[in-house]
Amino acid sequence: MTELDALVGDWLTLPDVAERLDIGIMKVRGMVHDGQLIAVRRGDRNILSVPAGLLGAEGLLPELPGTVTVLADAGYEGEDALRWLFTPDDSITGGSPIGALHAGHKTEVRRRAQALAI
């Protein structure tokens, strides 16, 4: 198990994401390509996977696409962005940036993400 696997916990394949969001697989691939969703290759078979925590009860976390853009602007993409989102941090509401997004604190998360670029 990698460090990222330990941080993230549950992963979904792109077909699993498509099923949970009730959309086609090509739409999910488009979301990854457009930076609305982060997916990384994992495991022995090198399967493109998405952390289950990037989805909420209603589907894709609405705060995620903008947050992914801010992280990319700060130089964090792919595994680096996921590592930052899922790393425990007691100083943020929710205990981690992804926890804060689930709790509705996108402004705090994005402010911290912007500070990464400095």
PDB file of N, CA and C in Angstrom:
ATOM      1  N   MET A   1       0.843  -1.181   0.000  1.00  0.00           N
ATOM      2  CA  MET A   1       0.000   0.000   0.000  1.00  0.00           C
ATOM      3  C   MET A   1       0.888   1.244   0.000  1.00  0.00           C
ATOM      4  N   THR A   2       0.560   2.184  -0.862  1.00  0.00           N
ATOM      5  CA  THR A   2       1.336   3.412  -0.934  1.00  0.00           C
ATOM      6  C   THR A   2       0.834   4.412   0.103  1.00  0.00           C
ATOM      7  N   GLU A   3       1.619   5.464   0.296  1.00  0.00           N
ATOM      8  CA  GLU A   3       1.221   6.539   1.210  1.00  0.00           C
ATOM      9  C   GLU A   3      -0.114   7.150   0.773  1.00  0.00           C
ATOM     10  N   LEU A   4      -0.272   7.348  -0.525  1.00  0.00           N
ATOM     11  CA  LEU A   4      -1.509   7.936  -1.039  1.00  0.00           C
ATOM     12  C   LEU A   4      -2.696   7.007  -0.796  1.00  0.00           C
ATOM     13  N   ASP A   5      -2.502   5.721  -0.984  1.00  0.00           N
ATOM     14  CA  ASP A   5      -3.577   4.755  -0.706  1.00  0.00           C
ATOM     15  C   ASP A   5      -4.000   4.827   0.756  1.00  0.00           C
ATOM     16  N   ALA A   6      -3.016   4.954   1.650  1.00  0.00           N
ATOM     17  CA  ALA A   6      -3.311   5.034   3.082  1.00  0.00           C
ATOM     18  C   ALA A   6      -4.086   6.316   3.410  1.00  0.00           C
ATOM     19  N   LEU A   7      -3.749   7.425   2.757  1.00  0.00           N
ATOM     20  CA  LEU A   7      -4.446   8.696   2.999  1.00  0.00           C
ATOM     21  C   LEU A   7      -5.880   8.664   2.471  1.00  0.00           C
ATOM     22  N   VAL A   8      -6.026   8.173   1.257  1.00  0.00           N
ATOM     23  CA  VAL A   8      -7.315   8.233   0.563  1.00  0.00           C
ATOM     24  C   VAL A   8      -8.284   7.176   1.075  1.00  0.00           C
ATOM     25  N   GLY A   9      -7.826   5.962   1.214  1.00  0.00           N
ATOM     26  CA  GLY A   9      -8.721   4.878   1.650  1.00  0.00           C
ATOM     27  C   GLY A   9      -9.475   4.271   0.491  1.00  0.00           C
ATOM     28  N   ASP A  10     -10.705   4.723   0.253  1.00  0.00           N
ATOM     29  CA  ASP A  10     -11.566   4.134  -0.775  1.00  0.00           C
ATOM     30  C   ASP A  10     -11.361   4.782  -2.136  1.00  0.00           C
ATOM     31  N   TRP A  11     -11.204   3.921  -3.135  1.00  0.00           N
ATOM     32  CA  TRP A  11     -11.010   4.368  -4.517  1.00  0.00           C
ATOM     33  C   TRP A  11     -12.128   3.823  -5.391  1.00  0.00           C
ATOM     34  N   LEU A  12     -12.397   4.534  -6.468  1.00  0.00           N
ATOM     35  CA  LEU A  12     -13.378   4.106  -7.454  1.00  0.00           C
ATOM     36  C   LEU A  12     -12.733   4.098  -8.831  1.00  0.00           C
ATOM     37  N   THR A  13     -13.052   3.110  -9.644  1.00  0.00           N
ATOM     38  CA  THR A  13     -12.623   3.134 -11.038  1.00  0.00           C
ATOM     39  C   THR A  13     -13.521   4.118 -11.786  1.00  0.00           C
ATOM     40  N   LEU A  14     -13.119   4.500 -12.984  1.00  0.00           N
ATOM     41  CA  LEU A  14     -13.946   5.439 -13.748  1.00  0.00           C
ATOM     42  C   LEU A  14     -15.340   4.872 -14.042  1.00  0.00           C
ATOM     43  N   PRO A  15     -15.467   3.564 -14.382  1.00  0.00           N
ATOM     44  CA  PRO A  15     -16.835   3.039 -14.546  1.00  0.00           C
ATOM     45  C   PRO A  15     -17.662   3.123 -13.262  1.00  0.00           C
ATOM     46  N   ASP A  16     -17.022   2.941 -12.105  1.00  0.00           N
ATOM     47  CA  ASP A  16     -17.738   3.072 -10.833  1.00  0.00           C
ATOM     48  C   ASP A  16     -18.211   4.513 -10.625  1.00  0.00           C
ATOM     49  N   VAL A  17     -17.350   5.476 -10.970  1.00  0.00           N
ATOM     50  CA  VAL A  17     -17.730   6.889 -10.850  1.00  0.00           C
ATOM     51  C   VAL A  17     -18.910   7.180 -11.775  1.00  0.00           C
ATOM     52  N   ALA A  18     -18.841   6.685 -13.006  1.00  0.00           N
ATOM     53  CA  ALA A  18     -19.924   6.905 -13.962  1.00  0.00           C
ATOM     54  C   ALA A  18     -21.239   6.354 -13.418  1.00  0.00           C
ATOM     55  N   GLU A  19     -21.178   5.183 -12.813  1.00  0.00           N
ATOM     56  CA  GLU A  19     -22.388   4.579 -12.254  1.00  0.00           C
ATOM     57  C   GLU A  19     -22.930   5.410 -11.085  1.00  0.00           C
ATOM     58  N   ARG A  20     -22.042   5.849 -10.193  1.00  0.00           N
ATOM     59  CA  ARG A  20     -22.493   6.636  -9.035  1.00  0.00           C
ATOM     60  C   ARG A  20     -23.078   7.977  -9.453  1.00  0.00           C
ATOM     61  N   LEU A  21     -22.516   8.572 -10.510  1.00  0.00           N
ATOM     62  CA  LEU A  21     -23.006   9.871 -10.974  1.00  0.00           C
ATOM     63  C   LEU A  21     -24.138   9.729 -11.997  1.00  0.00           C
ATOM     64  N   ASP A  22     -24.399   8.493 -12.422  1.00  0.00           N
ATOM     65  CA  ASP A  22     -25.429   8.205 -13.411  1.00  0.00           C
ATOM     66  C   ASP A  22     -25.177   8.952 -14.718  1.00  0.00           C
ATOM     67  N   ILE A  23     -23.924   8.866 -15.167  1.00  0.00           N
ATOM     68  CA  ILE A  23     -23.516   9.474 -16.436  1.00  0.00           C
ATOM     69  C   ILE A  23     -22.660   8.468 -17.200  1.00  0.00           C
ATOM     70  N   GLY A  24     -22.350   8.766 -18.434  1.00  0.00           N
ATOM     71  CA  GLY A  24     -21.526   7.884 -19.250  1.00  0.00           C
ATOM     72  C   GLY A  24     -20.048   7.973 -18.886  1.00  0.00           C
ATOM     73  N   ILE A  25     -19.319   6.914 -19.191  1.00  0.00           N
ATOM     74  CA  ILE A  25     -17.890   6.858 -18.892  1.00  0.00           C
ATOM     75  C   ILE A  25     -17.125   7.961 -19.628  1.00  0.00           C
ATOM     76  N   MET A  26     -17.550   8.303 -20.844  1.00  0.00           N
ATOM     77  CA  MET A  26     -16.854   9.354 -21.588  1.00  0.00           C
ATOM     78  C   MET A  26     -17.035  10.711 -20.909  1.00  0.00           C
ATOM     79  N   LYS A  27     -18.168  10.926 -20.285  1.00  0.00           N
ATOM     80  CA  LYS A  27     -18.398  12.173 -19.533  1.00  0.00           C
ATOM     81  C   LYS A  27     -17.441  12.231 -18.339  1.00  0.00           C
ATOM     82  N   VAL A  28     -17.231  11.091 -17.664  1.00  0.00           N
ATOM     83  CA  VAL A  28     -16.295  11.049 -16.535  1.00  0.00           C
ATOM     84  C   VAL A  28     -14.889  11.331 -17.033  1.00  0.00           C
ATOM     85  N   ARG A  29     -14.506  10.704 -18.138  1.00  0.00           N
ATOM     86  CA  ARG A  29     -13.171  10.962 -18.707  1.00  0.00           C
ATOM     87  C   ARG A  29     -13.012  12.447 -19.061  1.00  0.00           C
ATOM     88  N   GLY A  30     -14.079  13.057 -19.578  1.00  0.00           N
ATOM     89  CA  GLY A  30     -14.058  14.486 -19.882  1.00  0.00           C
ATOM     90  C   GLY A  30     -13.874  15.324 -18.629  1.00  0.00           C
ATOM     91  N   MET A  31     -14.518  14.915 -17.534  1.00  0.00           N
ATOM     92  CA  MET A  31     -14.377  15.639 -16.271  1.00  0.00           C
ATOM     93  C   MET A  31     -12.931  15.579 -15.774  1.00  0.00           C
ATOM     94  N   VAL A  32     -12.301  14.429 -15.944  1.00  0.00           N
ATOM     95  CA  VAL A  32     -10.891  14.286 -15.549  1.00  0.00           C
ATOM     96  C   VAL A  32     -10.030  15.153 -16.460  1.00  0.00           C
ATOM     97  N   HIS A  33     -10.278  15.069 -17.746  1.00  0.00           N
ATOM     98  CA  HIS A  33      -9.501  15.844 -18.717  1.00  0.00           C
ATOM     99  C   HIS A  33      -9.634  17.346 -18.496  1.00  0.00           C
ATOM    100  N   ASP A  34     -10.853  17.791 -18.155  1.00  0.00           N
ATOM    101  CA  ASP A  34     -11.121  19.218 -17.966  1.00  0.00           C
ATOM    102  C   ASP A  34     -10.716  19.731 -16.585  1.00  0.00           C
ATOM    103  N   GLY A  35     -10.231  18.842 -15.710  1.00  0.00           N
ATOM    104  CA  GLY A  35      -9.780  19.268 -14.388  1.00  0.00           C
ATOM    105  C   GLY A  35     -10.900  19.443 -13.372  1.00  0.00           C
ATOM    106  N   GLN A  36     -12.057  18.857 -13.628  1.00  0.00           N
ATOM    107  CA  GLN A  36     -13.152  18.918 -12.674  1.00  0.00           C
ATOM    108  C   GLN A  36     -13.032  17.802 -11.634  1.00  0.00           C
ATOM    109  N   LEU A  37     -12.265  16.793 -11.956  1.00  0.00           N
ATOM    110  CA  LEU A  37     -12.129  15.592 -11.145  1.00  0.00           C
ATOM    111  C   LEU A  37     -10.686  15.115 -11.258  1.00  0.00           C
ATOM    112  N   ILE A  38     -10.126  14.611 -10.177  1.00  0.00           N
ATOM    113  CA  ILE A  38      -8.743  14.124 -10.183  1.00  0.00           C
ATOM    114  C   ILE A  38      -8.743  12.601 -10.195  1.00  0.00           C
ATOM    115  N   ALA A  39      -8.015  12.033 -11.137  1.00  0.00           N
ATOM    116  CA  ALA A  39      -7.848  10.584 -11.221  1.00  0.00           C
ATOM    117  C   ALA A  39      -6.356  10.291 -11.386  1.00  0.00           C
ATOM    118  N   VAL A  40      -5.903   9.210 -10.782  1.00  0.00           N
ATOM    119  CA  VAL A  40      -4.510   8.782 -10.903  1.00  0.00           C
ATOM    120  C   VAL A  40      -4.475   7.291 -11.221  1.00  0.00           C
ATOM    121  N   ARG A  41      -3.378   6.862 -11.800  1.00  0.00           N
ATOM    122  CA  ARG A  41      -3.206   5.449 -12.117  1.00  0.00           C
ATOM    123  C   ARG A  41      -2.655   4.741 -10.887  1.00  0.00           C
ATOM    124  N   ARG A  42      -3.253   3.583 -10.555  1.00  0.00           N
ATOM    125  CA  ARG A  42      -2.842   2.846  -9.369  1.00  0.00           C
ATOM    126  C   ARG A  42      -2.840   1.349  -9.618  1.00  0.00           C
ATOM    127  N   GLY A  43      -2.129   0.694  -8.717  1.00  0.00           N
ATOM    128  CA  GLY A  43      -2.127  -0.762  -8.681  1.00  0.00           C
ATOM    129  C   GLY A  43      -1.290  -1.409  -9.764  1.00  0.00           C
ATOM    130  N   ASP A  44      -1.252  -2.731  -9.698  1.00  0.00           N
ATOM    131  CA  ASP A  44      -0.458  -3.509 -10.650  1.00  0.00           C
ATOM    132  C   ASP A  44      -0.950  -3.349 -12.079  1.00  0.00           C
ATOM    133  N   ARG A  45      -2.256  -3.144 -12.223  1.00  0.00           N
ATOM    134  CA  ARG A  45      -2.829  -3.020 -13.562  1.00  0.00           C
ATOM    135  C   ARG A  45      -2.864  -1.574 -14.046  1.00  0.00           C
ATOM    136  N   ASN A  46      -2.383  -0.641 -13.195  1.00  0.00           N
ATOM    137  CA  ASN A  46      -2.273   0.766 -13.597  1.00  0.00           C
ATOM    138  C   ASN A  46      -3.634   1.353 -13.993  1.00  0.00           C
ATOM    139  N   ILE A  47      -4.646   1.059 -13.175  1.00  0.00           N
ATOM    140  CA  ILE A  47      -6.019   1.467 -13.476  1.00  0.00           C
ATOM    141  C   ILE A  47      -6.265   2.901 -13.010  1.00  0.00           C
ATOM    142  N   LEU A  48      -6.851   3.694 -13.885  1.00  0.00           N
ATOM    143  CA  LEU A  48      -7.205   5.073 -13.551  1.00  0.00           C
ATOM    144  C   LEU A  48      -8.299   5.050 -12.492  1.00  0.00           C
ATOM    145  N   SER A  49      -8.013   5.688 -11.344  1.00  0.00           N
ATOM    146  CA  SER A  49      -8.922   5.635 -10.195  1.00  0.00           C
ATOM    147  C   SER A  49      -9.132   7.008  -9.592  1.00  0.00           C
ATOM    148  N   VAL A  50     -10.282   7.179  -8.955  1.00  0.00           N
ATOM    149  CA  VAL A  50     -10.697   8.430  -8.328  1.00  0.00           C
ATOM    150  C   VAL A  50     -10.981   8.146  -6.854  1.00  0.00           C
ATOM    151  N   PRO A  51     -10.491   8.988  -5.940  1.00  0.00           N
ATOM    152  CA  PRO A  51     -10.861   8.804  -4.537  1.00  0.00           C
ATOM    153  C   PRO A  51     -12.371   8.949  -4.350  1.00  0.00           C
ATOM    154  N   ALA A  52     -12.972   8.014  -3.627  1.00  0.00           N
ATOM    155  CA  ALA A  52     -14.409   8.076  -3.372  1.00  0.00           C
ATOM    156  C   ALA A  52     -14.773   9.355  -2.621  1.00  0.00           C
ATOM    157  N   GLY A  53     -13.845   9.897  -1.845  1.00  0.00           N
ATOM    158  CA  GLY A  53     -14.087  11.107  -1.075  1.00  0.00           C
ATOM    159  C   GLY A  53     -14.306  12.352  -1.912  1.00  0.00           C
ATOM    160  N   LEU A  54     -14.022  12.287  -3.216  1.00  0.00           N
ATOM    161  CA  LEU A  54     -14.264  13.435  -4.082  1.00  0.00           C
ATOM    162  C   LEU A  54     -15.733  13.537  -4.486  1.00  0.00           C
ATOM    163  N   LEU A  55     -16.485  12.495  -4.128  1.00  0.00           N
ATOM    164  CA  LEU A  55     -17.918  12.488  -4.410  1.00  0.00           C
ATOM    165  C   LEU A  55     -18.680  12.638  -3.108  1.00  0.00           C
ATOM    166  N   GLY A  56     -19.805  13.287  -3.187  1.00  0.00           N
ATOM    167  CA  GLY A  56     -20.677  13.428  -2.031  1.00  0.00           C
ATOM    168  C   GLY A  56     -21.962  12.650  -2.262  1.00  0.00           C
ATOM    169  N   ALA A  57     -22.922  12.836  -1.396  1.00  0.00           N
ATOM    170  CA  ALA A  57     -24.196  12.132  -1.499  1.00  0.00           C
ATOM    171  C   ALA A  57     -24.944  12.503  -2.783  1.00  0.00           C
ATOM    172  N   GLU A  58     -24.756  13.724  -3.242  1.00  0.00           N
ATOM    173  CA  GLU A  58     -25.458  14.204  -4.430  1.00  0.00           C
ATOM    174  C   GLU A  58     -24.633  14.053  -5.708  1.00  0.00           C
ATOM    175  N   GLY A  59     -23.453  13.473  -5.620  1.00  0.00           N
ATOM    176  CA  GLY A  59     -22.588  13.324  -6.783  1.00  0.00           C
ATOM    177  C   GLY A  59     -21.252  13.999  -6.544  1.00  0.00           C
ATOM    178  N   LEU A  60     -20.693  14.575  -7.593  1.00  0.00           N
ATOM    179  CA  LEU A  60     -19.423  15.276  -7.485  1.00  0.00           C
ATOM    180  C   LEU A  60     -19.558  16.445  -6.517  1.00  0.00           C
ATOM    181  N   LEU A  61     -18.596  16.587  -5.604  1.00  0.00           N
ATOM    182  CA  LEU A  61     -18.627  17.740  -4.698  1.00  0.00           C
ATOM    183  C   LEU A  61     -18.624  19.011  -5.532  1.00  0.00           C
ATOM    184  N   PRO A  62     -19.618  19.878  -5.368  1.00  0.00           N
ATOM    185  CA  PRO A  62     -19.690  21.084  -6.197  1.00  0.00           C
ATOM    186  C   PRO A  62     -18.481  21.997  -6.017  1.00  0.00           C
ATOM    187  N   GLU A  63     -17.829  21.932  -4.853  1.00  0.00           N
ATOM    188  CA  GLU A  63     -16.676  22.787  -4.577  1.00  0.00           C
ATOM    189  C   GLU A  63     -15.390  22.260  -5.218  1.00  0.00           C
ATOM    190  N   LEU A  64     -15.427  21.030  -5.702  1.00  0.00           N
ATOM    191  CA  LEU A  64     -14.207  20.391  -6.180  1.00  0.00           C
ATOM    192  C   LEU A  64     -13.593  21.022  -7.427  1.00  0.00           C
ATOM    193  N   PRO A  65     -14.342  21.238  -8.518  1.00  0.00           N
ATOM    194  CA  PRO A  65     -13.695  21.765  -9.728  1.00  0.00           C
ATOM    195  C   PRO A  65     -12.908  23.059  -9.500  1.00  0.00           C
ATOM    196  N   GLY A  66     -13.481  24.017  -8.798  1.00  0.00           N
ATOM    197  CA  GLY A  66     -12.772  25.271  -8.526  1.00  0.00           C
ATOM    198  C   GLY A  66     -11.554  25.055  -7.657  1.00  0.00           C
ATOM    199  N   THR A  67     -11.668  24.141  -6.701  1.00  0.00           N
ATOM    200  CA  THR A  67     -10.545  23.843  -5.819  1.00  0.00           C
ATOM    201  C   THR A  67      -9.418  23.177  -6.596  1.00  0.00           C
ATOM    202  N   VAL A  68      -9.768  22.273  -7.509  1.00  0.00           N
ATOM    203  CA  VAL A  68      -8.763  21.609  -8.351  1.00  0.00           C
ATOM    204  C   VAL A  68      -8.034  22.653  -9.202  1.00  0.00           C
ATOM    205  N   THR A  69      -8.766  23.640  -9.698  1.00  0.00           N
ATOM    206  CA  THR A  69      -8.154  24.705 -10.497  1.00  0.00           C
ATOM    207  C   THR A  69      -7.167  25.522  -9.659  1.00  0.00           C
ATOM    208  N   VAL A  70      -7.558  25.878  -8.443  1.00  0.00           N
ATOM    209  CA  VAL A  70      -6.675  26.639  -7.553  1.00  0.00           C
ATOM    210  C   VAL A  70      -5.416  25.823  -7.244  1.00  0.00           C
ATOM    211  N   LEU A  71      -5.590  24.542  -6.976  1.00  0.00           N
ATOM    212  CA  LEU A  71      -4.430  23.682  -6.704  1.00  0.00           C
ATOM    213  C   LEU A  71      -3.507  23.593  -7.921  1.00  0.00           C
ATOM    214  N   ALA A  72      -4.089  23.463  -9.106  1.00  0.00           N
ATOM    215  CA  ALA A  72      -3.279  23.401 -10.331  1.00  0.00           C
ATOM    216  C   ALA A  72      -2.505  24.702 -10.531  1.00  0.00           C
ATOM    217  N   ASP A  73      -3.150  25.829 -10.242  1.00  0.00           N
ATOM    218  CA  ASP A  73      -2.475  27.124 -10.345  1.00  0.00           C
ATOM    219  C   ASP A  73      -1.298  27.221  -9.374  1.00  0.00           C
ATOM    220  N   ALA A  74      -1.408  26.498  -8.251  1.00  0.00           N
ATOM    221  CA  ALA A  74      -0.332  26.486  -7.250  1.00  0.00           C
ATOM    222  C   ALA A  74       0.720  25.424  -7.566  1.00  0.00           C
ATOM    223  N   GLY A  75       0.527  24.686  -8.666  1.00  0.00           N
ATOM    224  CA  GLY A  75       1.492  23.667  -9.067  1.00  0.00           C
ATOM    225  C   GLY A  75       1.203  22.273  -8.532  1.00  0.00           C
ATOM    226  N   TYR A  76      -0.001  22.072  -7.991  1.00  0.00           N
ATOM    227  CA  TYR A  76      -0.389  20.771  -7.441  1.00  0.00           C
ATOM    228  C   TYR A  76      -1.389  20.097  -8.365  1.00  0.00           C
ATOM    229  N   GLU A  77      -0.976  18.988  -8.944  1.00  0.00           N
ATOM    230  CA  GLU A  77      -1.862  18.222  -9.817  1.00  0.00           C
ATOM    231  C   GLU A  77      -1.726  16.750  -9.488  1.00  0.00           C
ATOM    232  N   GLY A  78      -2.687  15.956  -9.918  1.00  0.00           N
ATOM    233  CA  GLY A  78      -2.621  14.511  -9.760  1.00  0.00           C
ATOM    234  C   GLY A  78      -2.385  14.072  -8.330  1.00  0.00           C
ATOM    235  N   GLU A  79      -1.377  13.220  -8.153  1.00  0.00           N
ATOM    236  CA  GLU A  79      -1.083  12.673  -6.822  1.00  0.00           C
ATOM    237  C   GLU A  79      -0.758  13.752  -5.803  1.00  0.00           C
ATOM    238  N   ASP A  80      -0.049  14.798  -6.221  1.00  0.00           N
ATOM    239  CA  ASP A  80       0.298  15.878  -5.291  1.00  0.00           C
ATOM    240  C   ASP A  80      -0.963  16.576  -4.771  1.00  0.00           C
ATOM    241  N   ALA A  81      -1.896  16.837  -5.668  1.00  0.00           N
ATOM    242  CA  ALA A  81      -3.148  17.487  -5.264  1.00  0.00           C
ATOM    243  C   ALA A  81      -3.945  16.579  -4.329  1.00  0.00           C
ATOM    244  N   LEU A  82      -4.013  15.298  -4.648  1.00  0.00           N
ATOM    245  CA  LEU A  82      -4.744  14.367  -3.787  1.00  0.00           C
ATOM    246  C   LEU A  82      -4.090  14.236  -2.424  1.00  0.00           C
ATOM    247  N   ARG A  83      -2.764  14.178  -2.422  1.00  0.00           N
ATOM    248  CA  ARG A  83      -2.039  14.079  -1.149  1.00  0.00           C
ATOM    249  C   ARG A  83      -2.371  15.292  -0.279  1.00  0.00           C
ATOM    250  N   TRP A  84      -2.380  16.489  -0.867  1.00  0.00           N
ATOM    251  CA  TRP A  84      -2.695  17.697  -0.107  1.00  0.00           C
ATOM    252  C   TRP A  84      -4.147  17.669   0.390  1.00  0.00           C
ATOM    253  N   LEU A  85      -5.074  17.282  -0.471  1.00  0.00           N
ATOM    254  CA  LEU A  85      -6.486  17.263  -0.099  1.00  0.00           C
ATOM    255  C   LEU A  85      -6.789  16.293   1.038  1.00  0.00           C
ATOM    256  N   PHE A  86      -6.097  15.149   1.062  1.00  0.00           N
ATOM    257  CA  PHE A  86      -6.433  14.092   2.013  1.00  0.00           C
ATOM    258  C   PHE A  86      -5.513  14.031   3.232  1.00  0.00           C
ATOM    259  N   THR A  87      -4.469  14.851   3.282  1.00  0.00           N
ATOM    260  CA  THR A  87      -3.574  14.822   4.436  1.00  0.00           C
ATOM    261  C   THR A  87      -4.265  15.423   5.657  1.00  0.00           C
ATOM    262  N   PRO A  88      -4.261  14.686   6.771  1.00  0.00           N
ATOM    263  CA  PRO A  88      -4.888  15.211   7.996  1.00  0.00           C
ATOM    264  C   PRO A  88      -4.252  16.528   8.432  1.00  0.00           C
ATOM    265  N   ASP A  89      -5.097  17.446   8.869  1.00  0.00           N
ATOM    266  CA  ASP A  89      -4.649  18.755   9.330  1.00  0.00           C
ATOM    267  C   ASP A  89      -5.641  19.228  10.393  1.00  0.00           C
ATOM    268  N   ASP A  90      -5.235  19.160  11.646  1.00  0.00           N
ATOM    269  CA  ASP A  90      -6.119  19.534  12.755  1.00  0.00           C
ATOM    270  C   ASP A  90      -6.461  21.018  12.778  1.00  0.00           C
ATOM    271  N   SER A  91      -5.719  21.832  12.022  1.00  0.00           N
ATOM    272  CA  SER A  91      -5.971  23.266  12.047  1.00  0.00           C
ATOM    273  C   SER A  91      -7.091  23.679  11.086  1.00  0.00           C
ATOM    274  N   ILE A  92      -7.645  22.737  10.348  1.00  0.00           N
ATOM    275  CA  ILE A  92      -8.700  23.065   9.391  1.00  0.00           C
ATOM    276  C   ILE A  92      -9.997  22.352   9.800  1.00  0.00           C
ATOM    277  N   THR A  93     -11.099  23.014   9.578  1.00  0.00           N
ATOM    278  CA  THR A  93     -12.402  22.422   9.857  1.00  0.00           C
ATOM    279  C   THR A  93     -12.544  21.127   9.061  1.00  0.00           C
ATOM    280  N   GLY A  94     -12.981  20.073   9.706  1.00  0.00           N
ATOM    281  CA  GLY A  94     -13.151  18.805   9.012  1.00  0.00           C
ATOM    282  C   GLY A  94     -11.939  17.891   9.110  1.00  0.00           C
ATOM    283  N   GLY A  95     -10.826  18.397   9.635  1.00  0.00           N
ATOM    284  CA  GLY A  95      -9.652  17.572   9.873  1.00  0.00           C
ATOM    285  C   GLY A  95      -8.732  17.350   8.689  1.00  0.00           C
ATOM    286  N   SER A  96      -9.134  17.811   7.509  1.00  0.00           N
ATOM    287  CA  SER A  96      -8.312  17.746   6.293  1.00  0.00           C
ATOM    288  C   SER A  96      -8.983  18.656   5.265  1.00  0.00           C
ATOM    289  N   PRO A  97      -8.266  19.050   4.220  1.00  0.00           N
ATOM    290  CA  PRO A  97      -8.920  19.877   3.204  1.00  0.00           C
ATOM    291  C   PRO A  97     -10.166  19.209   2.603  1.00  0.00           C
ATOM    292  N   ILE A  98     -10.105  17.903   2.333  1.00  0.00           N
ATOM    293  CA  ILE A  98     -11.278  17.245   1.760  1.00  0.00           C
ATOM    294  C   ILE A  98     -12.416  17.199   2.782  1.00  0.00           C
ATOM    295  N   GLY A  99     -12.086  17.028   4.044  1.00  0.00           N
ATOM    296  CA  GLY A  99     -13.104  17.073   5.096  1.00  0.00           C
ATOM    297  C   GLY A  99     -13.749  18.435   5.181  1.00  0.00           C
ATOM    298  N   ALA A 100     -12.948  19.480   5.011  1.00  0.00           N
ATOM    299  CA  ALA A 100     -13.483  20.844   5.029  1.00  0.00           C
ATOM    300  C   ALA A 100     -14.406  21.083   3.840  1.00  0.00           C
ATOM    301  N   LEU A 101     -14.053  20.543   2.667  1.00  0.00           N
ATOM    302  CA  LEU A 101     -14.937  20.688   1.508  1.00  0.00           C
ATOM    303  C   LEU A 101     -16.271  19.996   1.767  1.00  0.00           C
ATOM    304  N   HIS A 102     -16.220  18.807   2.356  1.00  0.00           N
ATOM    305  CA  HIS A 102     -17.467  18.091   2.677  1.00  0.00           C
ATOM    306  C   HIS A 102     -18.296  18.864   3.697  1.00  0.00           C
ATOM    307  N   ALA A 103     -17.627  19.624   4.565  1.00  0.00           N
ATOM    308  CA  ALA A 103     -18.329  20.409   5.585  1.00  0.00           C
ATOM    309  C   ALA A 103     -18.781  21.774   5.061  1.00  0.00           C
ATOM    310  N   GLY A 104     -18.495  22.062   3.784  1.00  0.00           N
ATOM    311  CA  GLY A 104     -18.940  23.313   3.185  1.00  0.00           C
ATOM    312  C   GLY A 104     -18.014  24.497   3.394  1.00  0.00           C
ATOM    313  N   HIS A 105     -16.741  24.251   3.682  1.00  0.00           N
ATOM    314  CA  HIS A 105     -15.786  25.325   3.933  1.00  0.00           C
ATOM    315  C   HIS A 105     -14.808  25.503   2.773  1.00  0.00           C
ATOM    316  N   LYS A 106     -15.353  25.708   1.572  1.00  0.00           N
ATOM    317  CA  LYS A 106     -14.495  25.813   0.395  1.00  0.00           C
ATOM    318  C   LYS A 106     -13.590  27.039   0.433  1.00  0.00           C
ATOM    319  N   THR A 107     -14.055  28.140   0.994  1.00  0.00           N
ATOM    320  CA  THR A 107     -13.240  29.359   1.020  1.00  0.00           C
ATOM    321  C   THR A 107     -11.957  29.134   1.804  1.00  0.00           C
ATOM    322  N   GLU A 108     -12.069  28.490   2.947  1.00  0.00           N
ATOM    323  CA  GLU A 108     -10.880  28.200   3.765  1.00  0.00           C
ATOM    324  C   GLU A 108      -9.914  27.293   3.007  1.00  0.00           C
ATOM    325  N   VAL A 109     -10.449  26.274   2.335  1.00  0.00           N
ATOM    326  CA  VAL A 109      -9.608  25.337   1.590  1.00  0.00           C
ATOM    327  C   VAL A 109      -8.920  26.051   0.433  1.00  0.00           C
ATOM    328  N   ARG A 110      -9.657  26.841  -0.298  1.00  0.00           N
ATOM    329  CA  ARG A 110      -9.070  27.538  -1.453  1.00  0.00           C
ATOM    330  C   ARG A 110      -8.054  28.586  -1.019  1.00  0.00           C
ATOM    331  N   ARG A 111      -8.293  29.258   0.091  1.00  0.00           N
ATOM    332  CA  ARG A 111      -7.325  30.232   0.601  1.00  0.00           C
ATOM    333  C   ARG A 111      -6.011  29.528   0.936  1.00  0.00           C
ATOM    334  N   ARG A 112      -6.109  28.375   1.579  1.00  0.00           N
ATOM    335  CA  ARG A 112      -4.901  27.609   1.915  1.00  0.00           C
ATOM    336  C   ARG A 112      -4.216  27.086   0.653  1.00  0.00           C
ATOM    337  N   ALA A 113      -4.996  26.676  -0.334  1.00  0.00           N
ATOM    338  CA  ALA A 113      -4.428  26.201  -1.587  1.00  0.00           C
ATOM    339  C   ALA A 113      -3.691  27.325  -2.316  1.00  0.00           C
ATOM    340  N   GLN A 114      -4.270  28.518  -2.304  1.00  0.00           N
ATOM    341  CA  GLN A 114      -3.612  29.668  -2.935  1.00  0.00           C
ATOM    342  C   GLN A 114      -2.278  29.978  -2.252  1.00  0.00           C
ATOM    343  N   ALA A 115      -2.232  29.809  -0.941  1.00  0.00           N
ATOM    344  CA  ALA A 115      -0.997  30.098  -0.192  1.00  0.00           C
ATOM    345  C   ALA A 115       0.120  29.131  -0.547  1.00  0.00           C
ATOM    346  N   LEU A 116      -0.211  27.976  -1.111  1.00  0.00           N
ATOM    347  CA  LEU A 116       0.810  27.001  -1.502  1.00  0.00           C
ATOM    348  C   LEU A 116       1.723  27.548  -2.595  1.00  0.00           C
ATOM    349  N   ALA A 117       1.183  28.437  -3.419  1.00  0.00           N
ATOM    350  CA  ALA A 117       1.943  28.958  -4.557  1.00  0.00           C
ATOM    351  C   ALA A 117       2.973  30.004  -4.153  1.00  0.00           C
ATOM    352  N   ILE A 118       2.863  30.523  -2.944  1.00  0.00           N
ATOM    353  CA  ILE A 118       3.752  31.606  -2.511  1.00  0.00           C
ATOM    354  C   ILE A 118       5.128  31.079  -2.190  1.00  0.00           C
TER     355      ILE A 118
END
